[in-house]
PDB file of N, CA and C in Angstrom:
ATOM      1  N   MET A   1      33.986  91.284 116.070  1.00  0.00           N
ATOM      2  CA  MET A   1      33.917  91.080 117.484  1.00  0.00           C
ATOM      3  C   MET A   1      33.985  89.596 117.845  1.00  0.00           C
ATOM      4  N   LYS A   2      33.384  88.750 116.980  1.00  0.00           N
ATOM      5  CA  LYS A   2      33.429  87.318 117.244  1.00  0.00           C
ATOM      6  C   LYS A   2      34.859  86.793 117.175  1.00  0.00           C
ATOM      7  N   GLY A   3      35.649  87.314 116.251  1.00  0.00           N
ATOM      8  CA  GLY A   3      37.033  86.873 116.084  1.00  0.00           C
ATOM      9  C   GLY A   3      37.874  87.173 117.311  1.00  0.00           C
ATOM     10  N   ILE A   4      37.642  88.330 117.903  1.00  0.00           N
ATOM     11  CA  ILE A   4      38.403  88.713 119.101  1.00  0.00           C
ATOM     12  C   ILE A   4      38.020  87.812 120.273  1.00  0.00           C
ATOM     13  N   SER A   5      36.762  87.473 120.415  1.00  0.00           N
ATOM     14  CA  SER A   5      36.338  86.626 121.530  1.00  0.00           C
ATOM     15  C   SER A   5      36.886  85.201 121.372  1.00  0.00           C
ATOM     16  N   TYR A   6      36.924  84.688 120.136  1.00  0.00           N
ATOM     17  CA  TYR A   6      37.506  83.369 119.905  1.00  0.00           C
ATOM     18  C   TYR A   6      39.001  83.375 120.210  1.00  0.00           C
ATOM     19  N   THR A   7      39.691  84.413 119.814  1.00  0.00           N
ATOM     20  CA  THR A   7      41.127  84.533 120.077  1.00  0.00           C
ATOM     21  C   THR A   7      41.385  84.629 121.574  1.00  0.00           C
ATOM     22  N   LEU A   8      40.590  85.435 122.262  1.00  0.00           N
ATOM     23  CA  LEU A   8      40.731  85.569 123.714  1.00  0.00           C
ATOM     24  C   LEU A   8      40.452  84.234 124.405  1.00  0.00           C
ATOM     25  N   GLU A   9      39.432  83.530 123.933  1.00  0.00           N
ATOM     26  CA  GLU A   9      39.110  82.226 124.493  1.00  0.00           C
ATOM     27  C   GLU A   9      40.261  81.236 124.282  1.00  0.00           C
ATOM     28  N   ALA A  10      40.869  81.251 123.115  1.00  0.00           N
ATOM     29  CA  ALA A  10      42.003  80.368 122.822  1.00  0.00           C
ATOM     30  C   ALA A  10      43.206  80.698 123.706  1.00  0.00           C
ATOM     31  N   VAL A  11      43.470  81.980 123.914  1.00  0.00           N
ATOM     32  CA  VAL A  11      44.593  82.400 124.760  1.00  0.00           C
ATOM     33  C   VAL A  11      44.365  81.937 126.201  1.00  0.00           C
ATOM     34  N   ILE A  12      43.147  82.065 126.693  1.00  0.00           N
ATOM     35  CA  ILE A  12      42.832  81.629 128.059  1.00  0.00           C
ATOM     36  C   ILE A  12      42.978  80.105 128.174  1.00  0.00           C
ATOM     37  N   ALA A  13      42.519  79.369 127.173  1.00  0.00           N
ATOM     38  CA  ALA A  13      42.627  77.905 127.192  1.00  0.00           C
ATOM     39  C   ALA A  13      44.092  77.466 127.193  1.00  0.00           C
ATOM     40  N   VAL A  14      44.912  78.093 126.372  1.00  0.00           N
ATOM     41  CA  VAL A  14      46.337  77.762 126.329  1.00  0.00           C
ATOM     42  C   VAL A  14      47.005  78.108 127.657  1.00  0.00           C
ATOM     43  N   SER A  15      46.612  79.197 128.261  1.00  0.00           N
ATOM     44  CA  SER A  15      47.158  79.591 129.567  1.00  0.00           C
ATOM     45  C   SER A  15      46.824  78.552 130.632  1.00  0.00           C
ATOM     46  N   PHE A  16      45.584  78.067 130.637  1.00  0.00           N
ATOM     47  CA  PHE A  16      45.192  77.035 131.588  1.00  0.00           C
ATOM     48  C   PHE A  16      45.988  75.752 131.369  1.00  0.00           C
ATOM     49  N   LEU A  17      46.199  75.381 130.130  1.00  0.00           N
ATOM     50  CA  LEU A  17      46.977  74.176 129.832  1.00  0.00           C
ATOM     51  C   LEU A  17      48.415  74.316 130.319  1.00  0.00           C
ATOM     52  N   LEU A  18      49.012  75.471 130.077  1.00  0.00           N
ATOM     53  CA  LEU A  18      50.386  75.689 130.531  1.00  0.00           C
ATOM     54  C   LEU A  18      50.476  75.671 132.052  1.00  0.00           C
ATOM     55  N   LEU A  19      49.518  76.278 132.719  1.00  0.00           N
ATOM     56  CA  LEU A  19      49.496  76.245 134.181  1.00  0.00           C
ATOM     57  C   LEU A  19      49.347  74.818 134.700  1.00  0.00           C
ATOM     58  N   ALA A  20      48.499  74.043 134.060  1.00  0.00           N
ATOM     59  CA  ALA A  20      48.316  72.651 134.467  1.00  0.00           C
ATOM     60  C   ALA A  20      49.615  71.869 134.296  1.00  0.00           C
ATOM     61  N   LEU A  21      50.313  72.080 133.204  1.00  0.00           N
ATOM     62  CA  LEU A  21      51.587  71.400 132.980  1.00  0.00           C
ATOM     63  C   LEU A  21      52.623  71.777 134.037  1.00  0.00           C
ATOM     64  N   VAL A  22      52.661  73.037 134.392  1.00  0.00           N
ATOM     65  CA  VAL A  22      53.630  73.496 135.389  1.00  0.00           C
ATOM     66  C   VAL A  22      53.328  72.902 136.760  1.00  0.00           C
ATOM     67  N   PHE A  23      52.053  72.866 137.159  1.00  0.00           N
ATOM     68  CA  PHE A  23      51.709  72.392 138.488  1.00  0.00           C
ATOM     69  C   PHE A  23      51.688  70.872 138.613  1.00  0.00           C
ATOM     70  N   PHE A  24      51.296  70.157 137.576  1.00  0.00           N
ATOM     71  CA  PHE A  24      51.150  68.714 137.681  1.00  0.00           C
ATOM     72  C   PHE A  24      52.405  67.935 137.336  1.00  0.00           C
ATOM     73  N   PHE A  25      53.272  68.480 136.542  1.00  0.00           N
ATOM     74  CA  PHE A  25      54.494  67.782 136.161  1.00  0.00           C
ATOM     75  C   PHE A  25      55.685  68.482 136.802  1.00  0.00           C
ATOM     76  N   LYS A  26      56.352  67.737 137.670  1.00  0.00           N
ATOM     77  CA  LYS A  26      57.514  68.292 138.352  1.00  0.00           C
ATOM     78  C   LYS A  26      58.718  68.248 137.411  1.00  0.00           C
ATOM     79  N   PRO A  27      59.605  69.180 137.544  1.00  0.00           N
ATOM     80  CA  PRO A  27      60.776  69.170 136.676  1.00  0.00           C
ATOM     81  C   PRO A  27      61.693  67.994 137.007  1.00  0.00           C
ATOM     82  N   TYR A  28      62.402  67.537 136.029  1.00  0.00           N
ATOM     83  CA  TYR A  28      63.343  66.434 136.175  1.00  0.00           C
ATOM     84  C   TYR A  28      64.495  66.880 137.057  1.00  0.00           C
ATOM     85  N   THR A  29      64.783  66.099 138.087  1.00  0.00           N
ATOM     86  CA  THR A  29      65.879  66.458 138.979  1.00  0.00           C
ATOM     87  C   THR A  29      67.103  65.627 138.624  1.00  0.00           C
ATOM     88  N   VAL A  30      68.208  66.280 138.534  1.00  0.00           N
ATOM     89  CA  VAL A  30      69.461  65.614 138.197  1.00  0.00           C
ATOM     90  C   VAL A  30      70.168  65.258 139.489  1.00  0.00           C
ATOM     91  N   GLN A  31      70.639  64.010 139.559  1.00  0.00           N
ATOM     92  CA  GLN A  31      71.357  63.578 140.752  1.00  0.00           C
ATOM     93  C   GLN A  31      72.673  64.332 140.853  1.00  0.00           C
ATOM     94  N   ASP A  32      73.034  64.672 142.055  1.00  0.00           N
ATOM     95  CA  ASP A  32      74.295  65.357 142.301  1.00  0.00           C
ATOM     96  C   ASP A  32      75.435  64.504 141.756  1.00  0.00           C
ATOM     97  N   SER A  33      76.282  65.083 140.938  1.00  0.00           N
ATOM     98  CA  SER A  33      77.341  64.314 140.293  1.00  0.00           C
ATOM     99  C   SER A  33      78.343  63.768 141.297  1.00  0.00           C
ATOM    100  N   SER A  34      78.533  64.449 142.416  1.00  0.00           N
ATOM    101  CA  SER A  34      79.473  63.935 143.411  1.00  0.00           C
ATOM    102  C   SER A  34      78.946  62.635 144.020  1.00  0.00           C
ATOM    103  N   GLN A  35      77.627  62.544 144.247  1.00  0.00           N
ATOM    104  CA  GLN A  35      77.056  61.310 144.767  1.00  0.00           C
ATOM    105  C   GLN A  35      77.211  60.188 143.749  1.00  0.00           C
ATOM    106  N   TYR A  36      77.011  60.502 142.479  1.00  0.00           N
ATOM    107  CA  TYR A  36      77.209  59.487 141.448  1.00  0.00           C
ATOM    108  C   TYR A  36      78.649  59.002 141.457  1.00  0.00           C
ATOM    109  N   ASN A  37      79.594  59.912 141.601  1.00  0.00           N
ATOM    110  CA  ASN A  37      81.006  59.524 141.622  1.00  0.00           C
ATOM    111  C   ASN A  37      81.307  58.617 142.806  1.00  0.00           C
ATOM    112  N   TYR A  38      80.721  58.899 143.966  1.00  0.00           N
ATOM    113  CA  TYR A  38      80.941  58.047 145.128  1.00  0.00           C
ATOM    114  C   TYR A  38      80.334  56.668 144.927  1.00  0.00           C
ATOM    115  N   LYS A  39      79.181  56.617 144.272  1.00  0.00           N
ATOM    116  CA  LYS A  39      78.580  55.318 143.950  1.00  0.00           C
ATOM    117  C   LYS A  39      79.496  54.528 143.013  1.00  0.00           C
ATOM    118  N   LYS A  40      80.018  55.204 142.022  1.00  0.00           N
ATOM    119  CA  LYS A  40      80.892  54.545 141.051  1.00  0.00           C
ATOM    120  C   LYS A  40      82.168  54.045 141.723  1.00  0.00           C
ATOM    121  N   ILE A  41      82.774  54.871 142.564  1.00  0.00           N
ATOM    122  CA  ILE A  41      83.994  54.475 143.269  1.00  0.00           C
ATOM    123  C   ILE A  41      83.719  53.264 144.162  1.00  0.00           C
ATOM    124  N   THR A  42      82.588  53.288 144.857  1.00  0.00           N
ATOM    125  CA  THR A  42      82.237  52.185 145.749  1.00  0.00           C
ATOM    126  C   THR A  42      81.994  50.912 144.960  1.00  0.00           C
ATOM    127  N   TYR A  43      81.271  51.004 143.848  1.00  0.00           N
ATOM    128  CA  TYR A  43      81.008  49.826 143.021  1.00  0.00           C
ATOM    129  C   TYR A  43      82.305  49.264 142.455  1.00  0.00           C
ATOM    130  N   GLU A  44      83.168  50.137 141.963  1.00  0.00           N
ATOM    131  CA  GLU A  44      84.438  49.666 141.412  1.00  0.00           C
ATOM    132  C   GLU A  44      85.316  49.030 142.483  1.00  0.00           C
ATOM    133  N   SER A  45      85.216  49.514 143.716  1.00  0.00           N
ATOM    134  CA  SER A  45      85.961  48.914 144.826  1.00  0.00           C
ATOM    135  C   SER A  45      85.451  47.499 145.105  1.00  0.00           C
ATOM    136  N   LEU A  46      84.125  47.328 145.115  1.00  0.00           N
ATOM    137  CA  LEU A  46      83.548  45.996 145.295  1.00  0.00           C
ATOM    138  C   LEU A  46      83.936  45.072 144.149  1.00  0.00           C
ATOM    139  N   LYS A  47      83.942  45.612 142.955  1.00  0.00           N
ATOM    140  CA  LYS A  47      84.313  44.816 141.783  1.00  0.00           C
ATOM    141  C   LYS A  47      85.772  44.362 141.877  1.00  0.00           C
ATOM    142  N   ALA A  48      86.652  45.246 142.336  1.00  0.00           N
ATOM    143  CA  ALA A  48      88.063  44.878 142.488  1.00  0.00           C
ATOM    144  C   ALA A  48      88.220  43.766 143.527  1.00  0.00           C
ATOM    145  N   LEU A  49      87.480  43.849 144.627  1.00  0.00           N
ATOM    146  CA  LEU A  49      87.518  42.778 145.619  1.00  0.00           C
ATOM    147  C   LEU A  49      86.976  41.477 145.043  1.00  0.00           C
ATOM    148  N   SER A  50      85.937  41.586 144.214  1.00  0.00           N
ATOM    149  CA  SER A  50      85.347  40.402 143.607  1.00  0.00           C
ATOM    150  C   SER A  50      86.312  39.745 142.624  1.00  0.00           C
ATOM    151  N   GLU A  51      87.000  40.561 141.838  1.00  0.00           N
ATOM    152  CA  GLU A  51      87.950  40.007 140.868  1.00  0.00           C
ATOM    153  C   GLU A  51      89.123  39.327 141.563  1.00  0.00           C
ATOM    154  N   GLY A  52      89.470  39.789 142.757  1.00  0.00           N
ATOM    155  CA  GLY A  52      90.522  39.150 143.536  1.00  0.00           C
ATOM    156  C   GLY A  52      90.055  37.886 144.250  1.00  0.00           C
ATOM    157  N   GLY A  53      88.750  37.634 144.259  1.00  0.00           N
ATOM    158  CA  GLY A  53      88.192  36.444 144.890  1.00  0.00           C
ATOM    159  C   GLY A  53      87.851  36.613 146.357  1.00  0.00           C
ATOM    160  N   LYS A  54      88.277  37.711 146.947  1.00  0.00           N
ATOM    161  CA  LYS A  54      88.029  37.907 148.377  1.00  0.00           C
ATOM    162  C   LYS A  54      86.566  38.180 148.685  1.00  0.00           C
ATOM    163  N   LEU A  55      85.905  38.954 147.844  1.00  0.00           N
ATOM    164  CA  LEU A  55      84.516  39.325 148.117  1.00  0.00           C
ATOM    165  C   LEU A  55      83.624  38.091 148.187  1.00  0.00           C
ATOM    166  N   ARG A  56      83.796  37.175 147.261  1.00  0.00           N
ATOM    167  CA  ARG A  56      82.982  35.950 147.255  1.00  0.00           C
ATOM    168  C   ARG A  56      83.246  35.129 148.521  1.00  0.00           C
ATOM    169  N   GLU A  57      84.500  35.005 148.876  1.00  0.00           N
ATOM    170  CA  GLU A  57      84.873  34.236 150.071  1.00  0.00           C
ATOM    171  C   GLU A  57      84.262  34.849 151.327  1.00  0.00           C
ATOM    172  N   TYR A  58      84.421  36.151 151.493  1.00  0.00           N
ATOM    173  CA  TYR A  58      83.894  36.830 152.670  1.00  0.00           C
ATOM    174  C   TYR A  58      82.366  36.789 152.703  1.00  0.00           C
ATOM    175  N   THR A  59      81.751  36.934 151.550  1.00  0.00           N
ATOM    176  CA  THR A  59      80.287  36.941 151.485  1.00  0.00           C
ATOM    177  C   THR A  59      79.720  35.575 151.852  1.00  0.00           C
ATOM    178  N   LEU A  60      80.314  34.512 151.350  1.00  0.00           N
ATOM    179  CA  LEU A  60      79.828  33.171 151.686  1.00  0.00           C
ATOM    180  C   LEU A  60      80.024  32.858 153.162  1.00  0.00           C
ATOM    181  N   ASP A  61      81.031  33.480 153.778  1.00  0.00           N
ATOM    182  CA  ASP A  61      81.260  33.304 155.218  1.00  0.00           C
ATOM    183  C   ASP A  61      80.477  34.311 156.059  1.00  0.00           C
ATOM    184  N   ASN A  62      79.689  35.181 155.421  1.00  0.00           N
ATOM    185  CA  ASN A  62      78.931  36.251 156.089  1.00  0.00           C
ATOM    186  C   ASN A  62      79.853  37.141 156.930  1.00  0.00           C
ATOM    187  N   ASP A  63      80.994  37.473 156.360  1.00  0.00           N
ATOM    188  CA  ASP A  63      82.021  38.238 157.061  1.00  0.00           C
ATOM    189  C   ASP A  63      82.055  39.677 156.544  1.00  0.00           C
ATOM    190  N   ALA A  64      81.107  40.480 157.004  1.00  0.00           N
ATOM    191  CA  ALA A  64      81.027  41.875 156.565  1.00  0.00           C
ATOM    192  C   ALA A  64      82.192  42.701 157.091  1.00  0.00           C
ATOM    193  N   THR A  65      82.736  42.338 158.233  1.00  0.00           N
ATOM    194  CA  THR A  65      83.857  43.080 158.819  1.00  0.00           C
ATOM    195  C   THR A  65      85.087  43.015 157.921  1.00  0.00           C
ATOM    196  N   SER A  66      85.393  41.837 157.374  1.00  0.00           N
ATOM    197  CA  SER A  66      86.550  41.707 156.475  1.00  0.00           C
ATOM    198  C   SER A  66      86.345  42.493 155.191  1.00  0.00           C
ATOM    199  N   ILE A  67      85.114  42.503 154.683  1.00  0.00           N
ATOM    200  CA  ILE A  67      84.823  43.295 153.486  1.00  0.00           C
ATOM    201  C   ILE A  67      85.059  44.767 153.788  1.00  0.00           C
ATOM    202  N   LYS A  68      84.557  45.219 154.928  1.00  0.00           N
ATOM    203  CA  LYS A  68      84.728  46.621 155.321  1.00  0.00           C
ATOM    204  C   LYS A  68      86.210  46.963 155.469  1.00  0.00           C
ATOM    205  N   ASN A  69      86.970  46.068 156.078  1.00  0.00           N
ATOM    206  CA  ASN A  69      88.405  46.313 156.241  1.00  0.00           C
ATOM    207  C   ASN A  69      89.123  46.388 154.896  1.00  0.00           C
ATOM    208  N   ASP A  70      88.757  45.522 153.952  1.00  0.00           N
ATOM    209  CA  ASP A  70      89.398  45.548 152.631  1.00  0.00           C
ATOM    210  C   ASP A  70      88.977  46.766 151.816  1.00  0.00           C
ATOM    211  N   LEU A  71      87.756  47.258 152.032  1.00  0.00           N
ATOM    212  CA  LEU A  71      87.310  48.454 151.315  1.00  0.00           C
ATOM    213  C   LEU A  71      88.027  49.713 151.788  1.00  0.00           C
ATOM    214  N   THR A  72      88.624  49.659 152.973  1.00  0.00           N
ATOM    215  CA  THR A  72      89.350  50.809 153.503  1.00  0.00           C
ATOM    216  C   THR A  72      90.451  51.249 152.545  1.00  0.00           C
ATOM    217  N   THR A  73      91.021  50.306 151.815  1.00  0.00           N
ATOM    218  CA  THR A  73      92.056  50.627 150.833  1.00  0.00           C
ATOM    219  C   THR A  73      91.535  51.582 149.762  1.00  0.00           C
ATOM    220  N   TYR A  74      90.264  51.447 149.414  1.00  0.00           N
ATOM    221  CA  TYR A  74      89.689  52.207 148.302  1.00  0.00           C
ATOM    222  C   TYR A  74      88.902  53.436 148.743  1.00  0.00           C
ATOM    223  N   ILE A  75      88.124  53.319 149.808  1.00  0.00           N
ATOM    224  CA  ILE A  75      87.215  54.417 150.178  1.00  0.00           C
ATOM    225  C   ILE A  75      87.392  54.825 151.638  1.00  0.00           C
ATOM    226  N   SER A  76      88.623  54.945 152.071  1.00  0.00           N
ATOM    227  CA  SER A  76      88.890  55.300 153.463  1.00  0.00           C
ATOM    228  C   SER A  76      88.463  56.729 153.802  1.00  0.00           C
ATOM    229  N   PHE A  77      88.272  57.565 152.778  1.00  0.00           N
ATOM    230  CA  PHE A  77      87.901  58.967 152.999  1.00  0.00           C
ATOM    231  C   PHE A  77      86.406  59.144 153.220  1.00  0.00           C
ATOM    232  N   LEU A  78      85.629  58.059 153.217  1.00  0.00           N
ATOM    233  CA  LEU A  78      84.187  58.118 153.421  1.00  0.00           C
ATOM    234  C   LEU A  78      83.787  57.336 154.664  1.00  0.00           C
ATOM    235  N   ASP A  79      82.618  57.653 155.195  1.00  0.00           N
ATOM    236  CA  ASP A  79      82.013  56.833 156.238  1.00  0.00           C
ATOM    237  C   ASP A  79      81.152  55.800 155.530  1.00  0.00           C
ATOM    238  N   TYR A  80      81.311  54.546 155.886  1.00  0.00           N
ATOM    239  CA  TYR A  80      80.539  53.500 155.208  1.00  0.00           C
ATOM    240  C   TYR A  80      80.395  52.302 156.130  1.00  0.00           C
ATOM    241  N   ASP A  81      79.442  51.456 155.780  1.00  0.00           N
ATOM    242  CA  ASP A  81      79.258  50.189 156.476  1.00  0.00           C
ATOM    243  C   ASP A  81      78.746  49.167 155.476  1.00  0.00           C
ATOM    244  N   VAL A  82      78.967  47.900 155.777  1.00  0.00           N
ATOM    245  CA  VAL A  82      78.638  46.806 154.857  1.00  0.00           C
ATOM    246  C   VAL A  82      77.610  45.898 155.511  1.00  0.00           C
ATOM    247  N   VAL A  83      76.593  45.514 154.733  1.00  0.00           N
ATOM    248  CA  VAL A  83      75.571  44.570 155.193  1.00  0.00           C
ATOM    249  C   VAL A  83      75.437  43.492 154.133  1.00  0.00           C
ATOM    250  N   ILE A  84      75.326  42.252 154.568  1.00  0.00           N
ATOM    251  CA  ILE A  84      75.158  41.122 153.652  1.00  0.00           C
ATOM    252  C   ILE A  84      73.726  40.608 153.794  1.00  0.00           C
ATOM    253  N   TYR A  85      73.068  40.420 152.649  1.00  0.00           N
ATOM    254  CA  TYR A  85      71.682  39.945 152.607  1.00  0.00           C
ATOM    255  C   TYR A  85      71.613  38.619 151.859  1.00  0.00           C
ATOM    256  N   ASN A  86      70.664  37.773 152.241  1.00  0.00           N
ATOM    257  CA  ASN A  86      70.320  36.622 151.408  1.00  0.00           C
ATOM    258  C   ASN A  86      68.995  36.924 150.729  1.00  0.00           C
ATOM    259  N   LYS A  87      68.304  35.917 150.257  1.00  0.00           N
ATOM    260  CA  LYS A  87      67.057  36.163 149.524  1.00  0.00           C
ATOM    261  C   LYS A  87      65.957  36.773 150.380  1.00  0.00           C
ATOM    262  N   THR A  88      65.967  36.520 151.670  1.00  0.00           N
ATOM    263  CA  THR A  88      64.836  36.935 152.502  1.00  0.00           C
ATOM    264  C   THR A  88      65.150  38.014 153.532  1.00  0.00           C
ATOM    265  N   SER A  89      66.379  38.077 154.020  1.00  0.00           N
ATOM    266  CA  SER A  89      66.662  39.038 155.086  1.00  0.00           C
ATOM    267  C   SER A  89      68.147  39.382 155.139  1.00  0.00           C
ATOM    268  N   ASN A  90      68.488  40.282 156.049  1.00  0.00           N
ATOM    269  CA  ASN A  90      69.893  40.611 156.230  1.00  0.00           C
ATOM    270  C   ASN A  90      70.555  39.558 157.118  1.00  0.00           C
ATOM    271  N   LEU A  91      71.811  39.257 156.811  1.00  0.00           N
ATOM    272  CA  LEU A  91      72.561  38.261 157.575  1.00  0.00           C
ATOM    273  C   LEU A  91      73.519  38.915 158.564  1.00  0.00           C
ATOM    274  N   THR A  92      73.796  40.172 158.363  1.00  0.00           N
ATOM    275  CA  THR A  92      74.660  40.921 159.280  1.00  0.00           C
ATOM    276  C   THR A  92      73.893  42.139 159.769  1.00  0.00           C
ATOM    277  N   ALA A  93      74.412  42.781 160.772  1.00  0.00           N
ATOM    278  CA  ALA A  93      73.700  43.892 161.411  1.00  0.00           C
ATOM    279  C   ALA A  93      73.565  45.098 160.491  1.00  0.00           C
ATOM    280  N   ILE A  94      72.407  45.718 160.524  1.00  0.00           N
ATOM    281  CA  ILE A  94      72.171  46.946 159.763  1.00  0.00           C
ATOM    282  C   ILE A  94      72.772  48.104 160.552  1.00  0.00           C
ATOM    283  N   PRO A  95      73.548  48.959 159.895  1.00  0.00           N
ATOM    284  CA  PRO A  95      74.250  50.023 160.623  1.00  0.00           C
ATOM    285  C   PRO A  95      73.310  51.131 161.107  1.00  0.00           C
ATOM    286  N   THR A  96      73.754  51.814 162.131  1.00  0.00           N
ATOM    287  CA  THR A  96      73.086  53.025 162.585  1.00  0.00           C
ATOM    288  C   THR A  96      73.788  54.185 161.904  1.00  0.00           C
ATOM    289  N   ILE A  97      73.064  54.916 161.098  1.00  0.00           N
ATOM    290  CA  ILE A  97      73.659  55.975 160.289  1.00  0.00           C
ATOM    291  C   ILE A  97      73.223  57.319 160.845  1.00  0.00           C
ATOM    292  N   SER A  98      74.193  58.180 161.083  1.00  0.00           N
ATOM    293  CA  SER A  98      73.904  59.470 161.706  1.00  0.00           C
ATOM    294  C   SER A  98      73.596  60.570 160.698  1.00  0.00           C
ATOM    295  N   SER A  99      73.715  60.288 159.424  1.00  0.00           N
ATOM    296  CA  SER A  99      73.486  61.296 158.399  1.00  0.00           C
ATOM    297  C   SER A  99      72.147  61.062 157.713  1.00  0.00           C
ATOM    298  N   SER A 100      71.567  62.126 157.188  1.00  0.00           N
ATOM    299  CA  SER A 100      70.316  61.974 156.450  1.00  0.00           C
ATOM    300  C   SER A 100      70.569  61.827 154.953  1.00  0.00           C
ATOM    301  N   ASP A 101      71.797  62.030 154.538  1.00  0.00           N
ATOM    302  CA  ASP A 101      72.165  61.928 153.123  1.00  0.00           C
ATOM    303  C   ASP A 101      73.015  60.678 152.932  1.00  0.00           C
ATOM    304  N   VAL A 102      72.375  59.601 152.469  1.00  0.00           N
ATOM    305  CA  VAL A 102      73.027  58.294 152.380  1.00  0.00           C
ATOM    306  C   VAL A 102      72.839  57.740 150.978  1.00  0.00           C
ATOM    307  N   ILE A 103      73.875  57.088 150.468  1.00  0.00           N
ATOM    308  CA  ILE A 103      73.737  56.342 149.226  1.00  0.00           C
ATOM    309  C   ILE A 103      74.055  54.882 149.535  1.00  0.00           C
ATOM    310  N   SER A 104      73.524  53.988 148.730  1.00  0.00           N
ATOM    311  CA  SER A 104      73.849  52.572 148.913  1.00  0.00           C
ATOM    312  C   SER A 104      74.204  51.975 147.559  1.00  0.00           C
ATOM    313  N   VAL A 105      75.127  51.030 147.606  1.00  0.00           N
ATOM    314  CA  VAL A 105      75.589  50.344 146.407  1.00  0.00           C
ATOM    315  C   VAL A 105      75.449  48.856 146.668  1.00  0.00           C
ATOM    316  N   SER A 106      74.810  48.153 145.740  1.00  0.00           N
ATOM    317  CA  SER A 106      74.601  46.714 145.882  1.00  0.00           C
ATOM    318  C   SER A 106      75.464  45.947 144.898  1.00  0.00           C
ATOM    319  N   TYR A 107      75.945  44.799 145.336  1.00  0.00           N
ATOM    320  CA  TYR A 107      76.725  43.901 144.488  1.00  0.00           C
ATOM    321  C   TYR A 107      76.193  42.502 144.746  1.00  0.00           C
ATOM    322  N   PHE A 108      75.752  41.826 143.709  1.00  0.00           N
ATOM    323  CA  PHE A 108      75.111  40.524 143.845  1.00  0.00           C
ATOM    324  C   PHE A 108      76.092  39.406 143.513  1.00  0.00           C
ATOM    325  N   LEU A 109      76.038  38.347 144.328  1.00  0.00           N
ATOM    326  CA  LEU A 109      76.869  37.170 144.112  1.00  0.00           C
ATOM    327  C   LEU A 109      75.979  35.933 144.144  1.00  0.00           C
ATOM    328  N   ALA A 110      76.322  34.935 143.337  1.00  0.00           N
ATOM    329  CA  ALA A 110      75.492  33.742 143.255  1.00  0.00           C
ATOM    330  C   ALA A 110      76.087  32.562 144.008  1.00  0.00           C
ATOM    331  N   GLY A 111      77.254  32.694 144.589  1.00  0.00           N
ATOM    332  CA  GLY A 111      77.887  31.593 145.311  1.00  0.00           C
ATOM    333  C   GLY A 111      79.092  31.083 144.558  1.00  0.00           C
ATOM    334  N   GLU A 112      79.393  29.818 144.762  1.00  0.00           N
ATOM    335  CA  GLU A 112      80.534  29.192 144.090  1.00  0.00           C
ATOM    336  C   GLU A 112      80.035  28.108 143.156  1.00  0.00           C
ATOM    337  N   ALA A 113      80.961  27.536 142.391  1.00  0.00           N
ATOM    338  CA  ALA A 113      80.596  26.442 141.492  1.00  0.00           C
ATOM    339  C   ALA A 113      80.054  25.284 142.321  1.00  0.00           C
ATOM    340  N   GLY A 114      78.858  24.849 142.011  1.00  0.00           N
ATOM    341  CA  GLY A 114      78.232  23.746 142.724  1.00  0.00           C
ATOM    342  C   GLY A 114      77.576  24.144 144.036  1.00  0.00           C
ATOM    343  N   ASN A 115      77.668  25.413 144.408  1.00  0.00           N
ATOM    344  CA  ASN A 115      77.081  25.873 145.666  1.00  0.00           C
ATOM    345  C   ASN A 115      76.324  27.171 145.401  1.00  0.00           C
ATOM    346  N   TYR A 116      75.061  27.048 144.992  1.00  0.00           N
ATOM    347  CA  TYR A 116      74.261  28.238 144.718  1.00  0.00           C
ATOM    348  C   TYR A 116      73.790  28.830 146.029  1.00  0.00           C
ATOM    349  N   SER A 117      74.225  30.045 146.274  1.00  0.00           N
ATOM    350  CA  SER A 117      73.844  30.754 147.498  1.00  0.00           C
ATOM    351  C   SER A 117      73.771  32.235 147.152  1.00  0.00           C
ATOM    352  N   ALA A 118      72.623  32.654 146.640  1.00  0.00           N
ATOM    353  CA  ALA A 118      72.475  34.049 146.195  1.00  0.00           C
ATOM    354  C   ALA A 118      72.545  34.991 147.384  1.00  0.00           C
ATOM    355  N   LYS A 119      73.477  35.955 147.292  1.00  0.00           N
ATOM    356  CA  LYS A 119      73.634  36.948 148.358  1.00  0.00           C
ATOM    357  C   LYS A 119      73.894  38.310 147.747  1.00  0.00           C
ATOM    358  N   GLU A 120      73.575  39.305 148.525  1.00  0.00           N
ATOM    359  CA  GLU A 120      73.779  40.695 148.112  1.00  0.00           C
ATOM    360  C   GLU A 120      74.666  41.374 149.148  1.00  0.00           C
ATOM    361  N   VAL A 121      75.701  42.042 148.658  1.00  0.00           N
ATOM    362  CA  VAL A 121      76.542  42.864 149.519  1.00  0.00           C
ATOM    363  C   VAL A 121      76.103  44.294 149.282  1.00  0.00           C
ATOM    364  N   ARG A 122      75.646  44.958 150.335  1.00  0.00           N
ATOM    365  CA  ARG A 122      75.192  46.340 150.204  1.00  0.00           C
ATOM    366  C   ARG A 122      76.082  47.231 151.060  1.00  0.00           C
ATOM    367  N   VAL A 123      76.655  48.233 150.410  1.00  0.00           N
ATOM    368  CA  VAL A 123      77.517  49.181 151.116  1.00  0.00           C
ATOM    369  C   VAL A 123      76.753  50.503 151.258  1.00  0.00           C
ATOM    370  N   PHE A 124      76.559  50.929 152.495  1.00  0.00           N
ATOM    371  CA  PHE A 124      75.927  52.206 152.784  1.00  0.00           C
ATOM    372  C   PHE A 124      77.039  53.241 152.953  1.00  0.00           C
ATOM    373  N   VAL A 125      76.942  54.357 152.220  1.00  0.00           N
ATOM    374  CA  VAL A 125      77.983  55.385 152.246  1.00  0.00           C
ATOM    375  C   VAL A 125      77.359  56.714 152.664  1.00  0.00           C
ATOM    376  N   TRP A 126      78.009  57.418 153.560  1.00  0.00           N
ATOM    377  CA  TRP A 126      77.566  58.736 153.972  1.00  0.00           C
ATOM    378  C   TRP A 126      78.817  59.547 154.332  1.00  0.00           C
ATOM    379  N   GLY A 127      78.639  60.777 154.683  1.00  0.00           N
ATOM    380  CA  GLY A 127      79.761  61.612 155.071  1.00  0.00           C
ATOM    381  C   GLY A 127      80.466  62.249 153.887  1.00  0.00           C
ATOM    382  N   PHE A 128      79.749  62.471 152.802  1.00  0.00           N
ATOM    383  CA  PHE A 128      80.340  63.086 151.617  1.00  0.00           C
ATOM    384  C   PHE A 128      79.858  64.498 151.415  1.00  0.00           C
ATOM    385  N   ASP A 129      79.360  65.116 152.458  1.00  0.00           N
ATOM    386  CA  ASP A 129      78.821  66.481 152.367  1.00  0.00           C
ATOM    387  C   ASP A 129      79.901  67.489 152.033  1.00  0.00           C
TER     388      ASP A 129
END
């Protein structure tokens, strides 16, 4: 009889542990692959502009409109907006976004040779539902 009670006690203890694991640890959520693809496309578009030298020029001039116009070549099928930040705040207007599902891609630039001016170009993308 003692053996059965110990076994029953062990089964109950294991059940409590499993329940605790289920309730306290949330399952790992995988990001939607389509959103990842849009992030990758957007980053590669910024990289292409950077390799052409235009992104650095526009960023140092705080010209988010020109960046947005040049990105149209790559991501015209999405709704997006561009914001330029320095170390402390945004330098261009933050967009009004009508969607609740938004991704953002950041690209950091340090300035030009002899002119250190750390800035971040952030592209907000939505409309990929």
